[in-house]
Amino acid sequence: MSLYRAKPWLGVWLSVLLTGAMANAQGIEDMQLFAPTEFDQFGGGPRADQGFFFQFDGLYWSILAPDYDPIGEPGLTREVFYTPDRSTVQHNTISNSNLAADAVGGQRFEFGNVCGHHGWMASIFYLHDQNQRLTYSDADIVFDDQPFQHQTGLHGRLHGYVANIFAALDDEIGSAAVYEDMVLRDLPVEFDEVILKNKVETWGTELNYIFRTHPAGHGGIFEFLFGVRYLKFNETFSFDGYGQRFDLWASEEQDDDEESEEITGVPYAPNSILADSSWWSVAENHIYGPQLGLRWFRQSCRWTLSSEARFFAGFNSQNLEQAGVLGTKLDDQFPTEEVSYVGQAPPSATDFPFQPITMEPIGYKHMRTEQEWSPGVELRFDLAYKLTRAVDVKVGWTGMWIDGIARASNLIDYSLTETSIMGIDIDDNRQSVFMHGLNIGFNINR
C-alpha cells in the first residue's frame, strides 16, 4: 500500500489505538473524554495532563519558491542568423521566477504517553503536492553551444546553413525554391509555446523522548525533547517546448495579368529548430538526523498557550536525475526537395538550409548522488481552548527552515558539447527552504 493510500487510515488507526489504550490511562479515568473541565491545582497551577495523548492538526502551509534561474545558460547571449544579412543577439527570455510560494494543505498527527516527568512522542506530517504550471509563448533559450571539429570545420551543434530565398519564374527552374548566399551560421533556439511544470512533495516523521519539569514560578511548564527526525523533500521540474521548425514561404496575391508561379510551404528562415523538445529534472532530498526540542506551555482557566522550538542536525542524501530529448522533429523530411542553389552546388544531399548540420533527435539521461549538511529549525506557537476535561481545540502557526536543499529547476546545465547533452549543475544543490503557515486542530489529553 502506498503512503498516500495509507494516510487516510493513519488517523483512524491512531484514534482506535488511543481509545483502546486510554482505558487504563492516568488522566482520563473511565474513558470520560467529555467530562466537565476541572481546574484543580498542580504545583500551584492547573494540573498538566498525563497518560496517553493524541494531537491532530490540519495544515495550510506555503513553500518557498526556488532561487531565480533563467531557462537557458545564465548570463550568456548568442548572435544568431535568420538569413546571411539578418541577425539578432539572442538572450534568455523566460525563467523560473514566476514559480510562487503557493500554499497547500496537509495533516500532522502526534501521539505518545507522559507519566510523571518522563514520556515519549511520535509524529508524522505530510503536505499535499504543490503543483504549478506556467505557459509562455515566443520563448528564446540560449544554450552554451561549444564548438567541436566537424568535416566542415569547427562548429557547434546549433550551426547550420542560412540563405536568401526567392521565387523563380523562369521555365528552367520552375517552381523550385531558389537559395543564394549559403553560409554556415549560429541558428536561433526559440519555441512558439513553452510549458513549465513544478511539483514539490514533502513529508516527515520523528520520535522523541520527553522530560517534563515541575511548574515554574508563574505556572508555566517546560518539556525537553530528545529524538530523531526524517524529512523528505522532493521536487520535479519539467520543460516542454513546441513549434514549427521553419518559417515557410507564404503565397502572395498577384494581379490577374501578372504571370507567376506560387511557391508555398518552402522554408525561408529558421523558426523552432529544436521543436519539439522536453526535459525534466528531479531532486530528491532525504534528510535524517538527531534533534533537540523545548516546549513551554501554561494553562489559565480554559486557555493554554504554548510555544515550541525544535533543532535538528540533518544529513541530506540527495538523488539527482535529469532526462530529456531535444529536437524530435529533426528527423522529419525537409518540406520540399525542389531546391536549387545559385552560384554554388548544394553542400550535400542532406545539408538543407535552416537546420543544424550536426544535430539529430537525441535523448539523454544524467544521474548523481550527493551528500550535504542540512540543519533545520521548527517553531510552533499554539493557543488551545479546553472544551472538556480531555479535549482541546487549537489554532496556531508553524514555521520550518531547512538548509542544504537541492531544487530541481536550479540543477540544469544548458551546455551542448560533442559528447554530452545538457547535464546536472552540481554547484547549485544547496538552498534554504522555508515552509510556514496555519495549523488548526484538536488535542486529546495533551
Protein backbone atom coordinates (compact mmCIF):
# COMPACT_ATOMS: atom_id res chain seq x y z
CA MET A 1 0.00 0.00 0.00
CA SER A 2 1.42 3.37 -0.95
CA LEU A 3 1.99 6.09 1.59
CA TYR A 4 -0.75 8.26 0.09
CA ARG A 5 -3.33 5.48 0.18
CA ALA A 6 -2.36 4.69 3.79
CA LYS A 7 -2.60 8.27 5.01
CA PRO A 8 -6.42 8.47 5.39
CA TRP A 9 -6.31 5.34 7.55
CA LEU A 10 -3.48 6.60 9.72
CA GLY A 11 -5.66 8.96 11.73
CA VAL A 12 -8.35 6.28 12.16
CA TRP A 13 -5.79 3.71 13.32
CA LEU A 14 -4.23 6.11 15.79
CA SER A 15 -7.62 7.11 17.15
CA VAL A 16 -8.62 3.47 17.68
CA LEU A 17 -5.28 2.70 19.31
CA LEU A 18 -5.54 5.75 21.52
CA THR A 19 -9.12 4.99 22.56
CA GLY A 20 -8.28 1.41 23.45
CA ALA A 21 -5.09 2.31 25.29
CA MET A 22 -6.71 5.04 27.35
CA ALA A 23 -8.99 2.68 29.20
CA ASN A 24 -6.30 2.39 31.88
CA ALA A 25 -4.51 5.67 31.17
CA GLN A 26 -3.85 8.02 34.02
CA GLY A 27 -5.55 11.38 33.48
CA ILE A 28 -8.68 10.15 31.66
CA GLU A 29 -10.39 7.95 34.16
CA ASP A 30 -13.22 5.70 32.98
CA MET A 31 -12.86 6.99 29.40
CA GLN A 32 -14.54 10.27 30.34
CA LEU A 33 -13.27 12.22 27.36
CA PHE A 34 -16.14 14.67 27.57
CA ALA A 35 -16.31 15.11 31.35
CA PRO A 36 -16.55 18.71 32.54
CA THR A 37 -13.33 20.66 32.80
CA GLU A 38 -11.71 20.65 36.23
CA PHE A 39 -9.35 23.42 37.31
CA ASP A 40 -7.68 21.66 40.22
CA GLN A 41 -4.17 22.65 41.21
CA PHE A 42 -0.87 21.05 40.14
CA GLY A 43 2.14 22.62 41.80
CA GLY A 44 0.40 25.96 42.20
CA GLY A 45 -1.28 25.93 38.77
CA PRO A 46 -3.68 23.84 36.67
CA ARG A 47 -2.79 20.17 36.55
CA ALA A 48 -0.82 19.04 33.50
CA ASP A 49 -2.37 16.18 31.56
CA GLN A 50 -0.73 12.79 31.92
CA GLY A 51 -1.10 9.43 30.23
CA PHE A 52 -1.63 8.69 26.57
CA PHE A 53 -2.30 11.66 24.31
CA PHE A 54 -3.16 12.37 20.70
CA GLN A 55 -2.92 15.55 18.61
CA PHE A 56 -4.23 16.36 15.14
CA ASP A 57 -3.50 19.45 13.04
CA GLY A 58 -4.85 20.44 9.68
CA LEU A 59 -2.08 22.37 7.93
CA TYR A 60 -2.18 25.18 5.41
CA TRP A 61 1.45 25.97 4.62
CA SER A 62 3.27 27.84 1.89
CA ILE A 63 6.57 26.53 0.48
CA LEU A 64 9.29 28.95 -0.55
CA ALA A 65 9.89 29.11 -4.31
CA PRO A 66 13.34 28.12 -5.67
CA ASP A 67 16.07 30.66 -6.32
CA TYR A 68 15.92 32.59 -9.58
CA ASP A 69 17.40 30.90 -12.65
CA PRO A 70 16.78 31.56 -16.36
CA ILE A 71 15.67 28.77 -18.65
CA GLY A 72 18.94 28.64 -20.55
CA GLU A 73 22.59 29.27 -19.75
CA PRO A 74 22.72 32.13 -17.21
CA GLY A 75 24.29 35.36 -18.49
CA LEU A 76 25.01 34.01 -21.96
CA THR A 77 23.97 35.61 -25.27
CA ARG A 78 24.41 34.43 -28.86
CA GLU A 79 24.39 36.26 -32.17
CA VAL A 80 22.09 34.16 -34.33
CA PHE A 81 21.18 34.42 -38.01
CA TYR A 82 17.93 34.08 -39.94
CA THR A 83 19.48 34.94 -43.33
CA PRO A 84 23.08 35.81 -44.24
CA ASP A 85 22.34 39.51 -43.78
CA ARG A 86 19.77 39.38 -40.94
CA SER A 87 20.89 38.56 -37.39
CA THR A 88 19.99 39.34 -33.78
CA VAL A 89 21.53 38.91 -30.36
CA GLN A 90 19.53 36.26 -28.56
CA HIS A 91 19.16 36.05 -24.77
CA ASN A 92 17.03 34.00 -22.37
CA THR A 93 13.51 35.39 -22.20
CA ILE A 94 11.89 33.07 -19.63
CA SER A 95 12.90 31.86 -16.18
CA ASN A 96 11.58 30.11 -13.09
CA SER A 97 10.86 33.46 -11.41
CA ASN A 98 7.09 33.04 -11.76
CA LEU A 99 7.11 29.97 -9.55
CA ALA A 100 5.36 31.16 -6.39
CA ALA A 101 5.32 30.18 -2.72
CA ASP A 102 1.86 28.66 -3.12
CA ALA A 103 0.12 27.34 -0.01
CA VAL A 104 -1.05 23.73 0.19
CA GLY A 105 -2.96 21.70 2.73
CA GLY A 106 -1.75 18.83 4.85
CA GLN A 107 -2.08 16.97 8.15
CA ARG A 108 0.02 16.30 11.22
CA PHE A 109 -0.54 13.52 13.76
CA GLU A 110 1.25 13.31 17.10
CA PHE A 111 0.72 10.71 19.81
CA GLY A 112 2.55 9.42 22.87
CA ASN A 113 2.49 8.99 26.61
CA VAL A 114 3.69 11.09 29.55
CA CYS A 115 3.79 9.75 33.08
CA GLY A 116 5.28 11.99 35.76
CA HIS A 117 8.43 13.61 34.39
CA HIS A 118 9.05 11.15 31.55
CA GLY A 119 7.35 10.24 28.31
CA TRP A 120 7.67 9.68 24.59
CA MET A 121 6.06 11.07 21.44
CA ALA A 122 5.86 10.03 17.79
CA SER A 123 4.89 12.41 15.00
CA ILE A 124 4.18 12.34 11.28
CA PHE A 125 3.27 15.18 8.94
CA TYR A 126 2.73 15.50 5.22
CA LEU A 127 1.72 18.21 2.79
CA HIS A 128 -0.27 17.72 -0.37
CA ASP A 129 1.74 18.17 -3.55
CA GLN A 130 2.44 21.75 -4.56
CA ASN A 131 1.76 21.77 -8.32
CA GLN A 132 2.41 24.78 -10.55
CA ARG A 133 2.06 25.19 -14.32
CA LEU A 134 3.35 28.15 -16.35
CA THR A 135 2.78 28.79 -20.07
CA TYR A 136 4.82 31.11 -22.31
CA SER A 137 4.84 31.99 -26.00
CA ASP A 138 7.70 33.03 -28.30
CA ALA A 139 10.38 31.98 -25.82
CA ASP A 140 14.10 32.30 -26.63
CA ILE A 141 16.60 29.95 -24.97
CA VAL A 142 20.38 30.27 -25.10
CA PHE A 143 22.44 27.09 -24.89
CA ASP A 144 26.18 27.02 -24.25
CA ASP A 145 26.88 25.52 -27.68
CA GLN A 146 30.55 24.52 -27.51
CA PRO A 147 32.26 24.07 -30.92
CA PHE A 148 33.98 20.85 -31.94
CA GLN A 149 35.72 19.64 -35.08
CA HIS A 150 33.36 18.73 -37.90
CA GLN A 151 34.00 17.87 -41.55
CA THR A 152 33.07 21.44 -42.49
CA GLY A 153 35.20 22.99 -39.75
CA LEU A 154 34.89 23.93 -36.10
CA HIS A 155 31.18 24.14 -35.37
CA GLY A 156 28.68 23.69 -32.56
CA ARG A 157 25.59 21.54 -32.60
CA LEU A 158 23.39 24.53 -33.43
CA HIS A 159 25.31 25.65 -36.54
CA GLY A 160 23.50 25.39 -39.85
CA TYR A 161 23.24 26.91 -43.32
CA VAL A 162 21.27 30.09 -43.85
CA ALA A 163 20.46 31.59 -47.24
CA ASN A 164 18.40 34.11 -49.14
CA ILE A 165 15.40 32.66 -50.92
CA PHE A 166 13.43 33.98 -53.87
CA ALA A 167 10.72 32.68 -56.18
CA ALA A 168 11.98 31.77 -59.65
CA LEU A 169 9.60 32.47 -62.50
CA ASP A 170 11.56 31.11 -65.46
CA ASP A 171 10.74 27.79 -67.04
CA GLU A 172 14.17 26.30 -66.35
CA ILE A 173 13.80 26.36 -62.59
CA GLY A 174 10.04 26.28 -62.47
CA SER A 175 8.52 26.27 -59.01
CA ALA A 176 11.65 25.20 -57.18
CA ALA A 177 12.90 27.05 -54.11
CA VAL A 178 15.97 29.02 -55.08
CA TYR A 179 18.60 29.76 -52.41
CA GLU A 180 21.62 32.02 -52.76
CA ASP A 181 24.48 33.09 -50.48
CA MET A 182 24.52 29.84 -48.48
CA VAL A 183 26.68 30.29 -45.36
CA LEU A 184 27.14 28.48 -42.06
CA ARG A 185 25.93 30.45 -39.04
CA ASP A 186 24.62 30.08 -35.48
CA LEU A 187 20.93 29.23 -35.63
CA PRO A 188 18.43 30.63 -33.09
CA VAL A 189 16.70 28.47 -30.48
CA GLU A 190 13.15 29.61 -29.85
CA PHE A 191 9.81 27.95 -29.21
CA ASP A 192 6.31 29.04 -30.18
CA GLU A 193 4.95 27.65 -26.90
CA VAL A 194 6.62 26.56 -23.66
CA ILE A 195 5.01 24.81 -20.70
CA LEU A 196 6.87 24.68 -17.38
CA LYS A 197 5.68 22.45 -14.54
CA ASN A 198 6.95 22.23 -10.99
CA LYS A 199 5.90 19.78 -8.26
CA VAL A 200 7.01 19.67 -4.61
CA GLU A 201 6.37 16.66 -2.35
CA THR A 202 7.24 16.69 1.34
CA TRP A 203 6.54 14.67 4.46
CA GLY A 204 8.37 13.73 7.63
CA THR A 205 8.32 11.71 10.81
CA GLU A 206 10.06 11.85 14.18
CA LEU A 207 10.35 10.05 17.52
CA ASN A 208 11.18 11.91 20.75
CA TYR A 209 11.83 11.26 24.42
CA ILE A 210 10.07 13.83 26.67
CA PHE A 211 11.32 15.15 30.00
CA ARG A 212 8.77 17.35 31.80
CA THR A 213 9.76 19.78 34.56
CA HIS A 214 7.85 20.94 37.62
CA PRO A 215 5.77 24.08 37.08
CA ALA A 216 7.80 27.28 37.15
CA GLY A 217 7.05 30.23 39.40
CA HIS A 218 4.25 31.59 37.18
CA GLY A 219 2.75 28.20 36.43
CA GLY A 220 4.49 27.52 33.12
CA ILE A 221 5.83 24.03 32.43
CA PHE A 222 8.82 23.07 30.26
CA GLU A 223 9.24 19.89 28.24
CA PHE A 224 12.63 18.92 26.84
CA LEU A 225 12.66 16.75 23.69
CA PHE A 226 15.46 14.44 22.54
CA GLY A 227 14.95 12.36 19.43
CA VAL A 228 15.49 11.67 15.73
CA ARG A 229 13.76 13.02 12.65
CA TYR A 230 13.40 12.09 8.98
CA LEU A 231 12.26 14.61 6.35
CA LYS A 232 11.67 14.04 2.65
CA PHE A 233 11.62 16.99 0.24
CA ASN A 234 11.28 16.06 -3.43
CA GLU A 235 10.91 18.42 -6.38
CA THR A 236 10.30 17.77 -10.08
CA PHE A 237 10.70 20.44 -12.77
CA SER A 238 9.79 19.88 -16.42
CA PHE A 239 10.04 21.80 -19.69
CA ASP A 240 8.01 21.17 -22.85
CA GLY A 241 8.70 23.31 -25.93
CA TYR A 242 6.66 23.24 -29.13
CA GLY A 243 6.77 24.95 -32.51
CA GLN A 244 7.45 24.70 -36.24
CA ARG A 245 10.98 24.14 -37.48
CA PHE A 246 10.82 26.77 -40.22
CA ASP A 247 9.16 29.97 -41.27
CA LEU A 248 7.52 28.96 -44.54
CA TRP A 249 7.15 30.95 -47.73
CA ALA A 250 3.60 32.25 -47.94
CA SER A 251 1.89 32.86 -51.29
CA GLU A 252 1.13 36.46 -52.15
CA GLU A 253 -1.80 37.75 -54.16
CA GLN A 254 -0.84 38.64 -57.72
CA ASP A 255 -2.58 40.78 -60.33
CA ASP A 256 -4.61 38.77 -62.83
CA ASP A 257 -2.46 39.91 -65.75
CA GLU A 258 0.81 39.10 -63.96
CA GLU A 259 2.28 35.74 -64.69
CA SER A 260 3.65 33.98 -61.61
CA GLU A 261 4.20 30.60 -60.13
CA GLU A 262 3.43 30.30 -56.43
CA ILE A 263 5.97 28.80 -54.10
CA THR A 264 4.32 27.77 -50.85
CA GLY A 265 5.47 25.66 -47.93
CA VAL A 266 9.15 26.37 -48.62
CA PRO A 267 11.45 27.34 -45.68
CA TYR A 268 12.86 30.86 -45.89
CA ALA A 269 14.10 31.23 -42.27
CA PRO A 270 14.64 29.09 -39.18
CA ASN A 271 11.94 29.03 -36.51
CA SER A 272 11.78 26.46 -33.69
CA ILE A 273 14.69 24.40 -34.94
CA LEU A 274 14.68 22.16 -31.83
CA ALA A 275 10.92 21.57 -31.84
CA ASP A 276 9.67 19.56 -30.16
CA SER A 277 11.89 19.28 -27.07
CA SER A 278 11.31 18.33 -23.47
CA TRP A 279 13.40 17.76 -20.39
CA TRP A 280 12.80 17.23 -16.71
CA SER A 281 14.87 17.42 -13.55
CA VAL A 282 14.25 15.57 -10.27
CA ALA A 283 15.82 16.44 -6.91
CA GLU A 284 15.20 14.04 -4.02
CA ASN A 285 16.30 15.19 -0.56
CA HIS A 286 16.31 12.56 2.19
CA ILE A 287 17.20 14.26 5.48
CA TYR A 288 17.68 12.41 8.73
CA GLY A 289 19.47 13.06 11.99
CA PRO A 290 19.17 13.85 15.72
CA GLN A 291 17.10 16.69 17.10
CA LEU A 292 16.63 18.66 20.32
CA GLY A 293 13.48 20.50 21.31
CA LEU A 294 11.99 22.65 24.02
CA ARG A 295 8.29 23.22 24.66
CA TRP A 296 6.79 25.69 27.13
CA PHE A 297 3.08 25.78 27.94
CA ARG A 298 0.89 27.45 30.53
CA GLN A 299 -2.79 26.91 31.25
CA SER A 300 -5.07 29.64 32.56
CA CYS A 301 -8.65 28.51 33.15
CA ARG A 302 -9.74 27.01 29.82
CA TRP A 303 -6.93 28.56 27.77
CA THR A 304 -3.49 27.03 27.14
CA LEU A 305 -0.69 28.96 25.46
CA SER A 306 2.30 27.01 24.18
CA SER A 307 5.46 27.73 22.23
CA GLU A 308 7.97 25.23 20.92
CA ALA A 309 11.32 25.08 19.14
CA ARG A 310 12.97 22.03 17.60
CA PHE A 311 16.51 21.96 16.18
CA PHE A 312 17.72 19.08 14.04
CA ALA A 313 21.14 18.33 12.59
CA GLY A 314 20.23 16.74 9.27
CA PHE A 315 22.34 14.64 6.93
CA ASN A 316 20.94 15.05 3.41
CA SER A 317 21.30 12.21 0.92
CA GLN A 318 20.41 13.72 -2.46
CA ASN A 319 19.36 11.69 -5.50
CA LEU A 320 19.55 13.92 -8.59
CA GLU A 321 18.28 12.95 -12.03
CA GLN A 322 17.81 14.70 -15.34
CA ALA A 323 16.49 13.36 -18.62
CA GLY A 324 15.04 14.66 -21.86
CA VAL A 325 15.02 14.71 -25.62
CA LEU A 326 15.96 17.55 -27.98
CA GLY A 327 14.65 18.17 -31.49
CA THR A 328 12.18 15.36 -32.02
CA LYS A 329 11.20 16.90 -35.39
CA LEU A 330 14.73 16.97 -36.79
CA ASP A 331 14.12 13.62 -38.48
CA ASP A 332 11.11 14.98 -40.32
CA GLN A 333 11.54 15.32 -44.06
CA PHE A 334 12.61 18.71 -45.38
CA PRO A 335 9.36 20.42 -46.55
CA THR A 336 10.45 20.42 -50.19
CA GLU A 337 13.13 18.69 -52.17
CA GLU A 338 12.72 21.04 -55.11
CA VAL A 339 15.69 23.15 -54.07
CA SER A 340 18.09 24.99 -56.36
CA TYR A 341 21.19 26.94 -55.40
CA VAL A 342 22.52 30.00 -57.18
CA GLY A 343 26.24 30.18 -57.81
CA GLN A 344 27.18 27.04 -55.89
CA ALA A 345 26.45 23.37 -55.59
CA PRO A 346 24.42 22.05 -52.66
CA PRO A 347 26.70 21.38 -49.65
CA SER A 348 25.41 17.80 -49.60
CA ALA A 349 22.25 15.88 -50.20
CA THR A 350 21.23 16.31 -46.56
CA ASP A 351 22.50 19.81 -45.70
CA PHE A 352 19.38 21.81 -46.34
CA PRO A 353 19.14 25.41 -45.12
CA PHE A 354 17.89 26.46 -41.70
CA GLN A 355 18.55 23.26 -39.77
CA PRO A 356 21.55 22.10 -37.70
CA ILE A 357 24.14 20.12 -39.63
CA THR A 358 25.45 18.08 -36.66
CA MET A 359 22.25 17.71 -34.64
CA GLU A 360 19.67 14.98 -34.77
CA PRO A 361 16.91 13.95 -32.33
CA ILE A 362 18.80 12.94 -29.24
CA GLY A 363 17.75 11.74 -25.82
CA TYR A 364 19.86 11.85 -22.71
CA LYS A 365 19.84 10.96 -19.02
CA HIS A 366 22.11 12.02 -16.16
CA MET A 367 22.15 10.82 -12.55
CA ARG A 368 24.14 11.81 -9.48
CA THR A 369 24.13 11.20 -5.74
CA GLU A 370 25.36 13.87 -3.34
CA GLN A 371 25.59 14.27 0.43
CA GLU A 372 25.06 17.59 2.15
CA TRP A 373 24.71 19.04 5.64
CA SER A 374 21.10 20.19 6.19
CA PRO A 375 20.42 21.74 9.60
CA GLY A 376 16.87 22.81 10.35
CA VAL A 377 14.71 24.69 12.82
CA GLU A 378 10.99 24.36 13.53
CA LEU A 379 9.00 26.90 15.55
CA ARG A 380 5.43 26.50 16.79
CA PHE A 381 3.00 28.79 18.59
CA ASP A 382 -0.40 27.42 19.63
CA LEU A 383 -3.43 28.68 21.54
CA ALA A 384 -5.80 25.96 22.78
CA TYR A 385 -9.25 26.16 24.36
CA LYS A 386 -10.35 23.33 26.65
CA LEU A 387 -13.80 22.05 25.72
CA THR A 388 -13.89 19.18 28.20
CA ARG A 389 -11.56 17.59 30.70
CA ALA A 390 -9.54 15.92 27.93
CA VAL A 391 -10.45 17.61 24.64
CA ASP A 392 -8.99 20.92 23.41
CA VAL A 393 -9.41 22.78 20.16
CA LYS A 394 -6.48 24.87 19.00
CA VAL A 395 -5.11 27.21 16.38
CA GLY A 396 -1.52 28.17 15.74
CA TRP A 397 1.36 28.94 13.42
CA THR A 398 4.30 26.76 12.44
CA GLY A 399 7.46 27.71 10.57
CA MET A 400 10.18 25.33 9.38
CA TRP A 401 13.55 26.37 7.91
CA ILE A 402 15.92 23.84 6.33
CA ASP A 403 19.28 24.46 4.67
CA GLY A 404 21.21 22.43 2.09
CA ILE A 405 18.25 21.52 -0.14
CA ALA A 406 18.56 20.73 -3.86
CA ARG A 407 15.85 22.36 -6.03
CA ALA A 408 15.12 20.81 -9.41
CA SER A 409 14.91 23.91 -11.63
CA ASN A 410 18.32 25.16 -10.43
CA LEU A 411 20.20 21.97 -11.29
CA ILE A 412 20.08 22.15 -15.10
CA ASP A 413 23.29 22.76 -17.08
CA TYR A 414 22.34 24.09 -20.53
CA SER A 415 25.56 23.01 -22.27
CA LEU A 416 25.89 21.23 -25.61
CA THR A 417 29.21 19.56 -26.35
CA GLU A 418 30.44 16.92 -28.78
CA THR A 419 29.98 14.16 -26.19
CA SER A 420 27.30 15.47 -23.83
CA ILE A 421 23.82 16.96 -24.00
CA MET A 422 22.96 19.24 -21.06
CA GLY A 423 23.75 17.95 -17.55
CA ILE A 424 23.40 18.44 -13.79
CA ASP A 425 24.72 21.71 -12.33
CA ILE A 426 26.06 20.35 -9.05
CA ASP A 427 27.31 23.79 -7.93
CA ASP A 428 23.73 24.83 -7.12
CA ASN A 429 22.47 21.99 -4.94
CA ARG A 430 22.35 23.91 -1.63
CA GLN A 431 19.40 26.21 -0.99
CA SER A 432 17.41 27.21 2.05
CA VAL A 433 13.74 26.24 2.15
CA PHE A 434 11.19 27.91 4.41
CA MET A 435 7.75 26.39 4.94
CA HIS A 436 5.21 28.06 7.19
CA GLY A 437 1.53 28.57 7.76
CA LEU A 438 -1.52 27.98 9.90
CA ASN A 439 -2.46 24.84 11.78
CA ILE A 440 -5.93 24.16 13.19
CA GLY A 441 -6.82 21.02 15.11
CA PHE A 442 -7.55 19.37 18.44
CA ASN A 443 -5.77 17.69 21.36
CA ILE A 444 -6.84 14.74 23.44
CA ASN A 445 -5.23 14.68 26.88
CA ARG A 446 -2.30 16.92 25.84
